[in-house]
N, C-alpha and C. Protein backbone atom coordinates (compact mmCIF):
# COMPACT_ATOMS: atom_id res chain seq x y z
N UNK A 1 -26.80 -26.86 49.74
CA UNK A 1 -25.13 -26.53 48.90
C UNK A 1 -25.29 -25.45 48.76
N UNK A 2 -24.98 -24.45 48.84
CA UNK A 2 -25.35 -22.56 48.82
C UNK A 2 -24.01 -22.37 47.88
N UNK A 3 -24.63 -21.75 46.69
CA UNK A 3 -23.71 -21.67 44.76
C UNK A 3 -23.71 -20.06 44.63
N UNK A 4 -23.06 -19.30 44.17
CA UNK A 4 -23.29 -18.30 44.34
C UNK A 4 -22.32 -17.64 42.26
N UNK A 5 -23.17 -17.14 41.77
CA UNK A 5 -23.48 -16.39 40.01
C UNK A 5 -22.27 -14.90 40.04
N UNK A 6 -21.84 -15.27 39.48
CA UNK A 6 -21.31 -13.57 39.15
C UNK A 6 -21.13 -12.83 37.96
N UNK A 7 -21.28 -12.30 37.33
CA UNK A 7 -21.82 -11.52 36.04
C UNK A 7 -19.77 -10.74 35.96
N UNK A 8 -18.93 -10.70 35.46
CA UNK A 8 -17.64 -10.08 35.50
C UNK A 8 -17.67 -9.96 34.70
N UNK A 9 -16.26 -8.77 33.98
CA UNK A 9 -15.30 -8.96 32.86
C UNK A 9 -13.77 -8.62 33.56
N UNK A 10 -13.28 -9.61 32.96
CA UNK A 10 -11.49 -9.61 33.06
C UNK A 10 -11.22 -8.45 32.39
N UNK A 11 -10.22 -8.18 33.58
CA UNK A 11 -9.71 -7.10 32.93
C UNK A 11 -8.17 -8.03 33.80
N UNK A 12 -8.03 -8.70 33.51
CA UNK A 12 -5.97 -9.14 33.47
C UNK A 12 -6.63 -10.88 32.00
N UNK A 13 -5.56 -10.97 31.60
CA UNK A 13 -5.84 -11.93 30.38
C UNK A 13 -5.07 -13.67 31.54
N UNK A 14 -5.99 -14.47 31.95
CA UNK A 14 -5.59 -15.47 32.00
C UNK A 14 -3.96 -15.89 31.79
N UNK A 15 -3.98 -16.21 32.29
CA UNK A 15 -2.34 -17.28 32.40
C UNK A 15 -2.40 -18.43 32.69
N UNK A 16 -2.02 -18.89 32.18
CA UNK A 16 -1.59 -20.48 32.02
C UNK A 16 -0.05 -21.41 32.65
N UNK A 17 -0.10 -22.44 33.11
CA UNK A 17 1.70 -22.37 34.54
C UNK A 17 1.07 -23.88 34.46
N UNK A 18 1.94 -24.23 34.98
CA UNK A 18 1.50 -25.61 35.23
C UNK A 18 2.62 -25.74 36.90
N UNK A 19 1.51 -27.27 37.56
CA UNK A 19 2.17 -28.16 38.36
C UNK A 19 3.44 -28.63 38.52
N UNK A 20 4.99 -28.22 39.52
CA UNK A 20 5.98 -28.40 39.16
C UNK A 20 5.45 -30.38 39.20
N UNK A 21 5.12 -30.80 39.83
CA UNK A 21 4.56 -32.79 39.80
C UNK A 21 4.39 -33.21 39.30
N UNK A 22 2.69 -33.07 39.17
CA UNK A 22 2.44 -34.18 37.82
C UNK A 22 2.37 -33.05 36.94
N UNK A 23 2.16 -32.00 36.78
CA UNK A 23 1.60 -30.85 35.52
C UNK A 23 0.29 -30.69 35.18
N UNK A 24 -0.25 -30.32 36.17
CA UNK A 24 -1.75 -30.07 35.70
C UNK A 24 -1.74 -29.10 35.35
N UNK A 25 -2.31 -27.71 35.43
CA UNK A 25 -2.40 -27.16 34.91
C UNK A 25 -3.20 -26.08 34.99
N UNK A 26 -2.85 -24.51 35.26
CA UNK A 26 -3.71 -23.76 36.56
C UNK A 26 -3.87 -22.50 35.59
N UNK A 27 -5.02 -22.57 35.15
CA UNK A 27 -5.01 -20.94 34.38
C UNK A 27 -5.53 -19.51 35.67
N UNK A 28 -4.67 -18.47 35.74
CA UNK A 28 -5.42 -17.77 37.48
C UNK A 28 -5.64 -16.24 35.95
N UNK A 29 -6.86 -15.24 36.53
CA UNK A 29 -6.84 -14.33 36.32
C UNK A 29 -7.77 -13.56 36.48
N UNK A 30 -7.62 -12.17 36.40
CA UNK A 30 -8.65 -11.06 37.58
C UNK A 30 -9.94 -10.68 37.25
N UNK A 31 -10.59 -10.88 37.13
CA UNK A 31 -11.82 -10.14 37.91
C UNK A 31 -13.00 -9.14 37.76
N UNK A 32 -13.23 -8.48 36.77
CA UNK A 32 -13.87 -7.90 37.37
C UNK A 32 -15.11 -7.28 38.27
N UNK A 33 -16.17 -7.07 38.64
CA UNK A 33 -18.12 -6.42 38.93
C UNK A 33 -17.99 -5.57 39.71
N UNK A 34 -19.18 -4.76 39.14
CA UNK A 34 -20.19 -3.75 40.04
C UNK A 34 -20.26 -4.04 41.61
N UNK A 35 -19.83 -2.42 42.16
CA UNK A 35 -19.63 -2.98 43.82
C UNK A 35 -21.71 -2.86 44.78
N UNK A 36 -22.04 -3.45 45.51
CA UNK A 36 -23.35 -3.76 44.94
C UNK A 36 -23.96 -2.00 45.70
N UNK A 37 -23.42 -1.10 45.83
CA UNK A 37 -24.32 -0.25 45.58
C UNK A 37 -23.51 0.53 44.90
N UNK A 38 -24.44 1.56 43.59
CA UNK A 38 -24.63 1.78 42.31
C UNK A 38 -23.16 2.96 42.81
N UNK A 39 -23.10 3.64 43.91
CA UNK A 39 -21.86 4.24 44.81
C UNK A 39 -20.90 3.32 44.33
N UNK A 40 -20.64 2.24 45.15
CA UNK A 40 -19.54 2.23 45.58
C UNK A 40 -18.63 1.13 44.20
N UNK A 41 -17.07 1.28 44.48
CA UNK A 41 -15.96 0.86 43.90
C UNK A 41 -16.79 -0.72 43.21
N UNK A 42 -16.24 -0.98 41.35
CA UNK A 42 -16.01 -2.62 41.74
C UNK A 42 -14.79 -3.12 43.07
N UNK A 43 -15.26 -4.25 42.15
CA UNK A 43 -15.22 -5.18 43.04
C UNK A 43 -14.01 -5.96 42.75
N UNK A 44 -12.94 -6.46 42.80
CA UNK A 44 -12.06 -7.22 42.42
C UNK A 44 -11.85 -8.70 42.18
N UNK A 45 -12.00 -9.95 41.69
CA UNK A 45 -11.73 -11.11 42.34
C UNK A 45 -11.08 -12.24 41.01
N UNK A 46 -9.68 -12.75 41.95
CA UNK A 46 -8.89 -13.38 41.23
C UNK A 46 -9.52 -15.02 40.95
N UNK A 47 -9.82 -15.88 39.38
CA UNK A 47 -10.20 -16.22 39.34
C UNK A 47 -9.19 -17.61 38.74
N UNK A 48 -9.18 -19.07 39.27
CA UNK A 48 -8.00 -20.10 39.35
C UNK A 48 -9.60 -21.01 38.92
N UNK A 49 -8.27 -21.38 37.22
CA UNK A 49 -9.99 -22.82 37.35
C UNK A 49 -8.66 -24.01 36.72
N UNK A 50 -8.69 -25.05 37.13
CA UNK A 50 -7.63 -25.84 37.42
C UNK A 50 -7.80 -27.07 35.91
N UNK A 51 -7.12 -28.01 35.60
CA UNK A 51 -7.30 -29.41 34.34
C UNK A 51 -7.65 -28.47 33.27
N UNK A 52 -8.41 -29.42 33.07
CA UNK A 52 -9.38 -29.32 30.66
C UNK A 52 -9.28 -27.49 31.26
N UNK A 53 -10.03 -27.86 32.53
CA UNK A 53 -10.65 -26.04 32.37
C UNK A 53 -9.90 -25.29 32.57
N UNK A 54 -9.02 -25.23 32.86
CA UNK A 54 -7.55 -24.79 33.13
C UNK A 54 -7.61 -24.46 31.09
N UNK A 55 -6.88 -25.03 30.86
CA UNK A 55 -6.39 -25.07 29.27
C UNK A 55 -8.47 -23.85 27.85
N UNK A 56 -9.05 -24.71 28.59
CA UNK A 56 -10.06 -23.75 28.02
C UNK A 56 -9.97 -22.31 27.86
N UNK A 57 -10.53 -22.16 29.83
CA UNK A 57 -9.64 -20.83 30.00
C UNK A 57 -9.29 -19.91 29.32
N UNK A 58 -8.39 -20.51 28.91
CA UNK A 58 -6.44 -20.05 28.13
C UNK A 58 -6.49 -19.47 26.94
N UNK A 59 -8.20 -20.56 25.74
CA UNK A 59 -8.08 -20.97 24.91
C UNK A 59 -9.28 -20.13 24.83
N UNK A 60 -10.12 -19.83 25.78
CA UNK A 60 -11.29 -19.39 25.26
C UNK A 60 -11.84 -17.11 26.17
N UNK A 61 -11.17 -17.84 27.16
CA UNK A 61 -10.91 -15.69 27.36
C UNK A 61 -9.83 -14.82 27.34
N UNK A 62 -10.27 -13.68 27.21
CA UNK A 62 -8.89 -12.80 26.62
C UNK A 62 -9.12 -10.98 27.40
N UNK A 63 -8.76 -10.50 27.56
CA UNK A 63 -9.28 -9.27 28.18
C UNK A 63 -10.49 -8.67 28.32
N UNK A 64 -11.32 -8.25 27.82
CA UNK A 64 -12.53 -6.88 28.69
C UNK A 64 -14.29 -7.92 28.10
N UNK A 65 -13.66 -9.22 28.11
CA UNK A 65 -14.87 -10.59 27.97
C UNK A 65 -15.58 -10.20 29.50
N UNK A 66 -16.57 -10.76 28.58
CA UNK A 66 -17.22 -10.21 30.46
C UNK A 66 -18.50 -12.00 30.34
N UNK A 67 -17.86 -12.17 31.40
CA UNK A 67 -17.95 -14.22 32.11
C UNK A 67 -20.06 -13.95 32.85
N UNK A 68 -19.77 -15.37 33.27
CA UNK A 68 -20.75 -15.31 34.13
C UNK A 68 -19.23 -16.84 35.41
N UNK A 69 -19.41 -16.45 36.00
CA UNK A 69 -19.12 -17.74 36.94
C UNK A 69 -19.55 -18.16 38.44
N UNK A 70 -20.05 -18.90 38.30
CA UNK A 70 -19.71 -20.01 39.45
C UNK A 70 -19.69 -21.46 40.44
C-alpha cells in the first residue's frame, strides 16, 4: 500500500456540513504546500474529513495552522 505525508498550511478554515440521509459530519478545508522546486508556485489541495474526524478537524484546526496530512 502506498501512502503520502504532506506538511501544509491551512488557507481556508474548516467548514462543517452534514449529509441529508444519516447526518454524517463532513469537514472540508483548503491547504497549501510548497511546489517541488523553489521557483514553483505553492500547490493548493482540498482536504475532506468524515465522521468523528470531521468534528475534530472543525474543533482543532484554524486558519494558518500547519498540519501533517496522511
